[in-house]
């Protein structure tokens, strides 16, 4: 259980670091370049002394998929940052976790899988929460009125990242999983570096500090979740991981960052949290 608790704390830290980074002047893509480079370091260390993979069709497919996945990782992180700034850390965390809807729907459409009754109920609950969230908020100073379009894009981009793992599972060689993830981080870092150079950006002290603070928990959240699975059943681990991260971010957003959500946004979060549990437990 220790690994699972540590995993959702690290996951929550990603949203909180994005929130704190708003107060520091920094180059966005320079910071993201450091973030993904930091994620790449543990992979490189793990490869020391290991044999190189055979350069065959399977490895080529893994590299191509990783290049696309790296772009999706970056797109998801950009949307997360925009949502933290516009909608607050709590709503960003909720909609990032709702990305699990995307691979669920793609599996139904393209891979012939059928949703469980719980998954069907959770999708209905999410749609109802979307409608509630769009009810005009009362006017009050400092209160957040959500930008639904940005939240929806966050759901899609984060969900596509999860979906690509499913696509690689179907079409790729699972023996190359670690190389696929390593090449994903390398692709995301390379894209960020190119954009930084193109925009005459910078990678200075702030970018390095924020990037490391973002990259380390970003990597550890996935690693610790993976390590928790031998000790905690998946149907318990995944919902706990998602909801635990949401609750930490929501409490920190309200108590530390003084975020003020409208009553409709709060109600939608209350509706979405059990939906996330049902989506994960039914997967």
Protein backbone atom coordinates (compact mmCIF):
# COMPACT_ATOMS: atom_id res chain seq x y z
CA UNK A 1 0.00 0.00 0.00
CA UNK A 2 2.99 2.30 0.59
CA UNK A 3 3.85 2.24 -3.14
CA UNK A 4 0.26 3.13 -4.07
CA UNK A 5 0.07 6.06 -1.64
CA UNK A 6 3.45 7.35 -2.85
CA UNK A 7 2.25 6.96 -6.48
CA UNK A 8 -0.83 9.17 -6.14
CA UNK A 9 1.11 11.72 -4.08
CA UNK A 10 3.66 11.97 -6.91
CA UNK A 11 0.83 12.22 -9.44
CA UNK A 12 -0.75 15.07 -7.47
CA UNK A 13 2.62 16.82 -7.26
CA UNK A 14 2.68 17.19 -11.05
CA UNK A 15 -0.46 19.37 -10.96
CA UNK A 16 0.76 21.27 -7.90
CA UNK A 17 4.17 22.00 -9.47
CA UNK A 18 2.39 23.36 -12.56
CA UNK A 19 0.35 25.58 -10.26
CA UNK A 20 3.39 26.86 -8.36
CA UNK A 21 5.32 27.44 -11.61
CA UNK A 22 2.81 30.17 -12.55
CA UNK A 23 4.55 32.41 -10.01
CA UNK A 24 7.97 32.03 -11.63
CA UNK A 25 8.97 33.55 -14.93
CA UNK A 26 10.04 30.71 -17.20
CA UNK A 27 10.14 29.51 -20.78
CA UNK A 28 7.39 26.91 -21.11
CA UNK A 29 9.02 24.62 -23.67
CA UNK A 30 12.46 24.95 -22.10
CA UNK A 31 10.91 23.79 -18.84
CA UNK A 32 9.14 20.89 -20.58
CA UNK A 33 12.44 19.88 -22.25
CA UNK A 34 14.04 19.54 -18.80
CA UNK A 35 10.96 17.67 -17.53
CA UNK A 36 11.15 14.97 -20.20
CA UNK A 37 14.94 14.79 -20.02
CA UNK A 38 14.58 14.10 -16.29
CA UNK A 39 12.10 11.32 -17.10
CA UNK A 40 14.67 9.89 -19.54
CA UNK A 41 17.51 9.63 -16.98
CA UNK A 42 16.10 6.62 -15.02
CA UNK A 43 15.53 4.79 -18.33
CA UNK A 44 19.15 5.35 -19.42
CA UNK A 45 20.44 4.17 -16.02
CA UNK A 46 18.32 1.02 -16.27
CA UNK A 47 19.87 0.23 -19.68
CA UNK A 48 23.45 0.21 -18.39
CA UNK A 49 24.92 -3.24 -19.04
CA UNK A 50 21.89 -4.37 -21.06
CA UNK A 51 22.03 -5.58 -24.65
CA UNK A 52 20.84 -3.29 -27.41
CA UNK A 53 17.61 -4.37 -29.15
CA UNK A 54 17.67 -5.98 -32.57
CA UNK A 55 17.08 -3.38 -35.28
CA UNK A 56 14.13 -5.07 -36.94
CA UNK A 57 10.55 -4.23 -37.95
CA UNK A 58 9.28 -4.53 -34.36
CA UNK A 59 11.84 -2.00 -33.12
CA UNK A 60 11.00 0.36 -36.00
CA UNK A 61 7.30 0.18 -35.11
CA UNK A 62 8.15 0.89 -31.46
CA UNK A 63 10.15 4.00 -32.45
CA UNK A 64 7.39 5.31 -34.75
CA UNK A 65 4.74 4.79 -32.08
CA UNK A 66 7.03 6.41 -29.50
CA UNK A 67 7.46 9.51 -31.68
CA UNK A 68 3.68 9.95 -31.89
CA UNK A 69 3.29 9.18 -28.19
CA UNK A 70 5.94 11.77 -27.31
CA UNK A 71 3.96 14.42 -29.18
CA UNK A 72 0.81 13.39 -27.31
CA UNK A 73 2.65 13.53 -23.97
CA UNK A 74 3.72 17.07 -24.73
CA UNK A 75 0.25 18.10 -25.93
CA UNK A 76 -1.25 16.69 -22.73
CA UNK A 77 1.26 18.55 -20.55
CA UNK A 78 0.62 21.83 -22.40
CA UNK A 79 -3.13 21.41 -21.92
CA UNK A 80 -2.60 20.58 -18.24
CA UNK A 81 -0.62 23.78 -17.75
CA UNK A 82 -3.23 25.89 -19.57
CA UNK A 83 -6.00 24.37 -17.46
CA UNK A 84 -4.17 24.91 -14.18
CA UNK A 85 -3.81 28.57 -15.13
CA UNK A 86 -7.37 29.06 -16.42
CA UNK A 87 -9.46 26.56 -14.46
CA UNK A 88 -7.41 25.84 -11.33
CA UNK A 89 -5.49 22.76 -10.21
CA UNK A 90 -8.56 20.87 -8.93
CA UNK A 91 -10.54 20.87 -12.19
CA UNK A 92 -7.36 20.16 -14.20
CA UNK A 93 -6.62 17.07 -12.10
CA UNK A 94 -10.19 15.80 -12.42
CA UNK A 95 -10.31 16.12 -16.21
CA UNK A 96 -6.81 14.72 -16.70
CA UNK A 97 -7.97 11.60 -14.83
CA UNK A 98 -11.15 11.46 -16.92
CA UNK A 99 -8.91 10.82 -19.92
CA UNK A 100 -9.47 7.12 -19.15
CA UNK A 101 -12.79 7.56 -21.01
CA UNK A 102 -10.93 7.90 -24.32
CA UNK A 103 -9.23 4.46 -24.39
CA UNK A 104 -12.46 2.96 -23.06
CA UNK A 105 -14.44 4.40 -25.99
CA UNK A 106 -11.73 3.54 -28.56
CA UNK A 107 -11.61 -0.04 -27.30
CA UNK A 108 -15.37 -0.29 -27.82
CA UNK A 109 -15.24 1.18 -31.36
CA UNK A 110 -12.03 -0.32 -32.77
CA UNK A 111 -11.18 -3.41 -30.71
CA UNK A 112 -14.64 -4.91 -30.28
CA UNK A 113 -14.65 -4.62 -26.49
CA UNK A 114 -17.94 -4.00 -24.71
CA UNK A 115 -18.38 -1.70 -21.71
CA UNK A 116 -19.45 -3.22 -18.43
CA UNK A 117 -22.67 -1.89 -16.88
CA UNK A 118 -20.48 0.07 -14.42
CA UNK A 119 -18.55 1.71 -17.26
CA UNK A 120 -21.79 2.60 -19.03
CA UNK A 121 -23.13 4.17 -15.83
CA UNK A 122 -19.88 6.10 -15.32
CA UNK A 123 -20.04 7.57 -18.84
CA UNK A 124 -23.62 8.74 -18.20
CA UNK A 125 -22.47 10.31 -14.90
CA UNK A 126 -19.63 12.13 -16.66
CA UNK A 127 -21.97 13.52 -19.34
CA UNK A 128 -24.36 14.70 -16.63
CA UNK A 129 -21.44 16.34 -14.80
CA UNK A 130 -20.46 18.17 -18.00
CA UNK A 131 -23.97 19.59 -18.23
CA UNK A 132 -23.90 20.67 -14.57
CA UNK A 133 -20.52 22.33 -15.03
CA UNK A 134 -21.88 24.49 -17.85
CA UNK A 135 -24.61 26.00 -15.68
CA UNK A 136 -23.73 29.72 -15.38
CA UNK A 137 -21.78 30.37 -12.20
CA UNK A 138 -22.81 32.96 -9.69
CA UNK A 139 -20.79 36.15 -9.90
CA UNK A 140 -18.32 36.37 -7.04
CA UNK A 141 -14.87 37.83 -6.78
CA UNK A 142 -12.09 35.28 -7.22
CA UNK A 143 -14.49 32.48 -8.16
CA UNK A 144 -13.46 30.22 -11.03
CA UNK A 145 -15.85 29.85 -13.94
CA UNK A 146 -14.56 26.88 -15.91
CA UNK A 147 -13.54 27.14 -19.56
CA UNK A 148 -15.21 23.93 -20.72
CA UNK A 149 -13.38 23.81 -24.07
CA UNK A 150 -9.95 23.71 -22.40
CA UNK A 151 -11.10 21.06 -19.93
CA UNK A 152 -12.46 18.91 -22.75
CA UNK A 153 -9.19 19.23 -24.69
CA UNK A 154 -7.30 18.19 -21.56
CA UNK A 155 -9.49 15.10 -21.29
CA UNK A 156 -8.89 14.24 -24.97
CA UNK A 157 -5.10 14.78 -25.01
CA UNK A 158 -4.51 12.89 -21.76
CA UNK A 159 -6.87 10.17 -22.93
CA UNK A 160 -5.09 9.79 -26.27
CA UNK A 161 -1.83 9.23 -24.38
CA UNK A 162 -3.47 6.38 -22.46
CA UNK A 163 -4.99 5.09 -25.71
CA UNK A 164 -1.62 4.89 -27.41
CA UNK A 165 -0.44 2.49 -24.72
CA UNK A 166 -3.39 0.27 -25.67
CA UNK A 167 -2.56 0.63 -29.39
CA UNK A 168 1.07 -0.36 -28.75
CA UNK A 169 -0.14 -3.30 -26.66
CA UNK A 170 -2.12 -4.54 -29.69
CA UNK A 171 0.28 -3.78 -32.55
CA UNK A 172 3.69 -3.56 -30.89
CA UNK A 173 6.12 -6.04 -29.35
CA UNK A 174 5.62 -6.05 -25.57
CA UNK A 175 9.25 -7.08 -25.08
CA UNK A 176 10.12 -3.55 -26.21
CA UNK A 177 7.91 -1.78 -23.64
CA UNK A 178 10.85 -0.12 -21.88
CA UNK A 179 12.38 1.06 -25.16
CA UNK A 180 8.98 2.37 -26.25
CA UNK A 181 8.67 4.47 -23.08
CA UNK A 182 12.30 5.63 -23.25
CA UNK A 183 11.89 6.69 -26.88
CA UNK A 184 8.63 8.43 -25.93
CA UNK A 185 10.43 10.66 -23.40
CA UNK A 186 13.27 11.25 -25.88
CA UNK A 187 10.76 12.26 -28.58
CA UNK A 188 8.93 14.67 -26.25
CA UNK A 189 12.23 16.22 -25.08
CA UNK A 190 13.48 16.60 -28.66
CA UNK A 191 10.26 18.33 -29.77
CA UNK A 192 10.52 20.75 -26.82
CA UNK A 193 14.17 21.54 -27.59
CA UNK A 194 13.36 22.23 -31.25
CA UNK A 195 10.48 24.53 -30.29
CA UNK A 196 12.67 26.30 -27.70
CA UNK A 197 15.39 26.94 -30.29
CA UNK A 198 12.84 27.98 -32.93
CA UNK A 199 11.21 30.48 -30.55
CA UNK A 200 14.59 31.72 -29.27
CA UNK A 201 13.59 30.46 -25.82
CA UNK A 202 15.90 29.58 -22.98
CA UNK A 203 16.78 26.84 -20.52
CA UNK A 204 17.99 28.68 -17.44
CA UNK A 205 17.85 28.19 -13.69
CA UNK A 206 14.07 28.53 -13.45
CA UNK A 207 13.45 26.14 -16.33
CA UNK A 208 15.82 23.55 -14.85
CA UNK A 209 14.38 23.87 -11.32
CA UNK A 210 10.73 23.62 -12.44
CA UNK A 211 11.49 20.93 -15.03
CA UNK A 212 13.22 18.70 -12.46
CA UNK A 213 10.46 19.26 -9.90
CA UNK A 214 7.97 18.24 -12.61
CA UNK A 215 9.91 15.40 -14.23
CA UNK A 216 10.88 13.43 -11.12
CA UNK A 217 7.31 12.96 -9.74
CA UNK A 218 6.06 12.56 -13.32
CA UNK A 219 8.28 9.50 -13.77
CA UNK A 220 7.94 8.17 -10.21
CA UNK A 221 4.11 8.22 -10.30
CA UNK A 222 4.05 5.60 -13.10
CA UNK A 223 6.93 3.58 -11.63
CA UNK A 224 5.43 3.44 -8.12
CA UNK A 225 1.98 2.55 -9.46
CA UNK A 226 3.58 -0.33 -11.37
CA UNK A 227 5.40 -1.49 -8.21
CA UNK A 228 2.15 -1.40 -6.20
CA UNK A 229 0.31 -3.84 -8.46
CA UNK A 230 1.90 -7.05 -7.06
CA UNK A 231 0.63 -6.05 -3.59
CA UNK A 232 -2.70 -4.35 -4.39
CA UNK A 233 -5.34 -5.64 -6.81
CA UNK A 234 -5.61 -3.59 -10.00
CA UNK A 235 -9.32 -2.92 -9.44
CA UNK A 236 -8.36 -1.24 -6.15
CA UNK A 237 -5.06 0.34 -7.25
CA UNK A 238 -6.26 2.29 -10.30
CA UNK A 239 -9.34 3.95 -8.75
CA UNK A 240 -7.37 4.74 -5.58
CA UNK A 241 -4.52 6.19 -7.64
CA UNK A 242 -6.88 8.43 -9.63
CA UNK A 243 -9.13 9.60 -6.81
CA UNK A 244 -6.27 9.98 -4.33
CA UNK A 245 -4.48 12.37 -6.71
CA UNK A 246 -7.68 14.33 -7.36
CA UNK A 247 -8.46 14.78 -3.67
CA UNK A 248 -4.92 15.91 -2.78
CA UNK A 249 -4.92 18.48 -5.59
CA UNK A 250 -8.42 19.67 -4.71
CA UNK A 251 -7.61 20.14 -1.01
CA UNK A 252 -4.28 21.84 -1.80
CA UNK A 253 -5.95 24.08 -4.37
CA UNK A 254 -8.54 25.28 -1.86
CA UNK A 255 -6.34 25.51 1.27
CA UNK A 256 -2.98 26.58 -0.18
CA UNK A 257 -3.80 28.38 -3.43
CA UNK A 258 -7.17 29.76 -2.28
CA UNK A 259 -8.99 28.53 -5.38
CA UNK A 260 -12.73 29.22 -5.24
CA UNK A 261 -14.89 26.92 -7.32
CA UNK A 262 -18.51 27.67 -8.13
CA UNK A 263 -21.13 25.45 -6.49
CA UNK A 264 -21.84 23.87 -9.90
CA UNK A 265 -18.16 23.05 -10.41
CA UNK A 266 -18.01 21.51 -6.94
CA UNK A 267 -21.13 19.45 -7.67
CA UNK A 268 -19.66 18.26 -10.98
CA UNK A 269 -16.47 17.15 -9.17
CA UNK A 270 -18.58 15.23 -6.64
CA UNK A 271 -20.30 13.50 -9.59
CA UNK A 272 -17.08 12.83 -11.49
CA UNK A 273 -15.06 11.22 -8.67
CA UNK A 274 -17.31 8.12 -8.41
CA UNK A 275 -17.41 8.04 -12.23
CA UNK A 276 -13.61 7.80 -12.30
CA UNK A 277 -13.77 4.96 -9.78
CA UNK A 278 -16.33 3.08 -11.91
CA UNK A 279 -14.38 3.64 -15.13
CA UNK A 280 -11.19 2.25 -13.62
CA UNK A 281 -12.75 -0.59 -11.68
CA UNK A 282 -14.69 -1.71 -14.72
CA UNK A 283 -11.63 -1.67 -16.97
